[in-house]
Protein backbone atom coordinates (compact mmCIF):
# COMPACT_ATOMS: atom_id res chain seq x y z
CA MET A 1 -100.76 -79.32 -91.46
CA ALA A 2 -97.59 -80.35 -93.29
CA SER A 3 -96.58 -83.99 -93.48
CA TRP A 4 -92.90 -84.89 -93.45
CA THR A 5 -91.14 -88.11 -94.42
CA ILE A 6 -87.75 -88.86 -92.91
CA LYS A 7 -85.76 -91.83 -94.14
CA SER A 8 -82.54 -93.39 -92.98
CA GLN A 9 -80.74 -96.44 -94.32
CA THR A 10 -78.70 -99.03 -92.44
CA ASN A 11 -77.64 -102.64 -92.78
CA GLU A 12 -77.55 -103.19 -89.02
CA PRO A 13 -80.81 -104.50 -87.55
CA ASP A 14 -79.96 -103.32 -84.03
CA LEU A 15 -79.40 -99.76 -85.23
CA ALA A 16 -82.63 -99.81 -87.23
CA LEU A 17 -84.57 -100.96 -84.16
CA LYS A 18 -82.94 -98.23 -82.03
CA ILE A 19 -83.78 -95.52 -84.57
CA VAL A 20 -87.42 -96.66 -84.81
CA GLU A 21 -87.76 -96.85 -81.02
CA ASP A 22 -86.25 -93.38 -80.63
CA GLN A 23 -88.62 -91.90 -83.23
CA ARG A 24 -91.63 -93.54 -81.57
CA ASN A 25 -90.54 -92.17 -78.18
CA LYS A 26 -90.55 -88.71 -79.73
CA GLY A 27 -94.14 -89.24 -80.91
CA TYR A 28 -93.56 -90.02 -84.57
CA ASN A 29 -95.13 -92.84 -86.56
CA ALA A 30 -92.08 -94.95 -87.50
CA TRP A 31 -91.64 -98.33 -89.19
CA ILE A 32 -88.93 -100.40 -90.86
CA GLU A 33 -88.99 -101.30 -94.55
CA ASP A 34 -86.82 -103.70 -96.53
CA GLU A 35 -85.07 -102.70 -99.74
CA ASN A 36 -88.24 -103.45 -101.74
CA GLY A 37 -90.34 -101.07 -99.64
CA ALA A 38 -92.28 -103.80 -97.81
CA ALA A 39 -92.81 -103.43 -94.06
CA VAL A 40 -90.60 -105.64 -91.89
CA ASP A 41 -91.88 -107.64 -88.93
CA GLU A 42 -89.96 -106.06 -86.06
CA GLN A 43 -90.48 -109.00 -83.73
CA SER A 44 -88.73 -111.39 -86.11
CA LEU A 45 -86.02 -108.77 -86.66
CA LYS A 46 -85.43 -108.64 -82.89
CA THR A 47 -85.13 -112.42 -82.57
CA THR A 48 -83.39 -113.53 -85.78
CA LYS A 49 -81.63 -110.29 -86.80
CA ARG A 50 -82.39 -111.17 -90.44
CA VAL A 51 -85.19 -110.49 -92.88
CA ALA A 52 -85.81 -112.72 -95.88
CA THR A 53 -86.03 -110.71 -99.10
CA GLU A 54 -86.14 -111.74 -102.72
CA ARG A 55 -84.59 -109.76 -105.50
CA THR A 56 -86.76 -109.12 -108.48
CA VAL A 57 -85.70 -108.93 -112.12
CA PRO A 58 -85.71 -105.10 -112.33
CA GLU A 59 -83.43 -104.95 -109.29
CA TRP A 60 -80.90 -107.24 -110.97
CA ARG A 61 -81.09 -105.11 -114.09
CA ALA A 62 -80.56 -101.98 -112.01
CA ALA A 63 -77.64 -103.60 -110.19
CA LEU A 64 -75.91 -104.28 -113.51
CA LEU A 65 -76.22 -100.62 -114.49
CA GLU A 66 -74.85 -99.25 -111.23
CA TRP A 67 -71.53 -97.44 -111.31
CA ARG A 68 -69.84 -100.44 -109.67
CA ALA A 69 -70.57 -102.56 -112.74
CA ALA A 70 -69.18 -99.94 -115.13
CA PRO A 71 -65.56 -101.26 -115.15
CA LEU A 72 -66.78 -104.78 -115.89
CA LEU A 73 -68.99 -103.55 -118.72
CA PHE A 74 -66.08 -101.51 -120.09
CA VAL A 75 -63.79 -104.56 -120.12
CA LEU A 76 -66.45 -106.76 -121.75
CA ALA A 77 -67.14 -104.13 -124.41
CA SER A 78 -63.40 -103.77 -125.09
CA VAL A 79 -62.96 -107.52 -125.51
CA ALA A 80 -65.97 -107.72 -127.84
CA GLY A 81 -64.63 -104.78 -129.87
CA GLY A 82 -61.22 -106.47 -130.09
CA PHE A 83 -62.81 -109.64 -131.48
CA VAL A 84 -64.67 -107.62 -134.10
CA VAL A 85 -61.45 -105.86 -135.15
CA LEU A 86 -59.56 -109.17 -135.33
CA TYR A 87 -62.34 -110.68 -137.44
CA LEU A 88 -62.29 -107.75 -139.85
CA VAL A 89 -58.48 -107.87 -140.11
CA GLY A 90 -58.74 -111.62 -140.77
CA LEU A 91 -61.21 -110.99 -143.60
CA TRP A 92 -58.92 -108.34 -145.07
CA VAL A 93 -55.83 -110.60 -144.87
CA ASP A 94 -57.73 -113.58 -146.30
CA ARG A 95 -58.80 -111.47 -149.29
CA TYR A 96 -55.21 -111.02 -150.51
């Protein structure tokens, strides 16, 4: 018998609870996970609408390398390159 995994992603706790309830009503084994892959307590999600999560170091590193950080990295690299060029020009001018 084949086993299938279906995933959906949302930032809305009410929608996540509705999706899980709908899947369970259809006979599937459904649960909610946080962004780290840990199971979420649905009772606390129903009452507080929030789940406490901690970011780990690899997640911060991955966030820096996302495409949204690319313009910032480009600007920082351009500024650093400009300083290197100015330093080299200063050495060349100071020589003569």
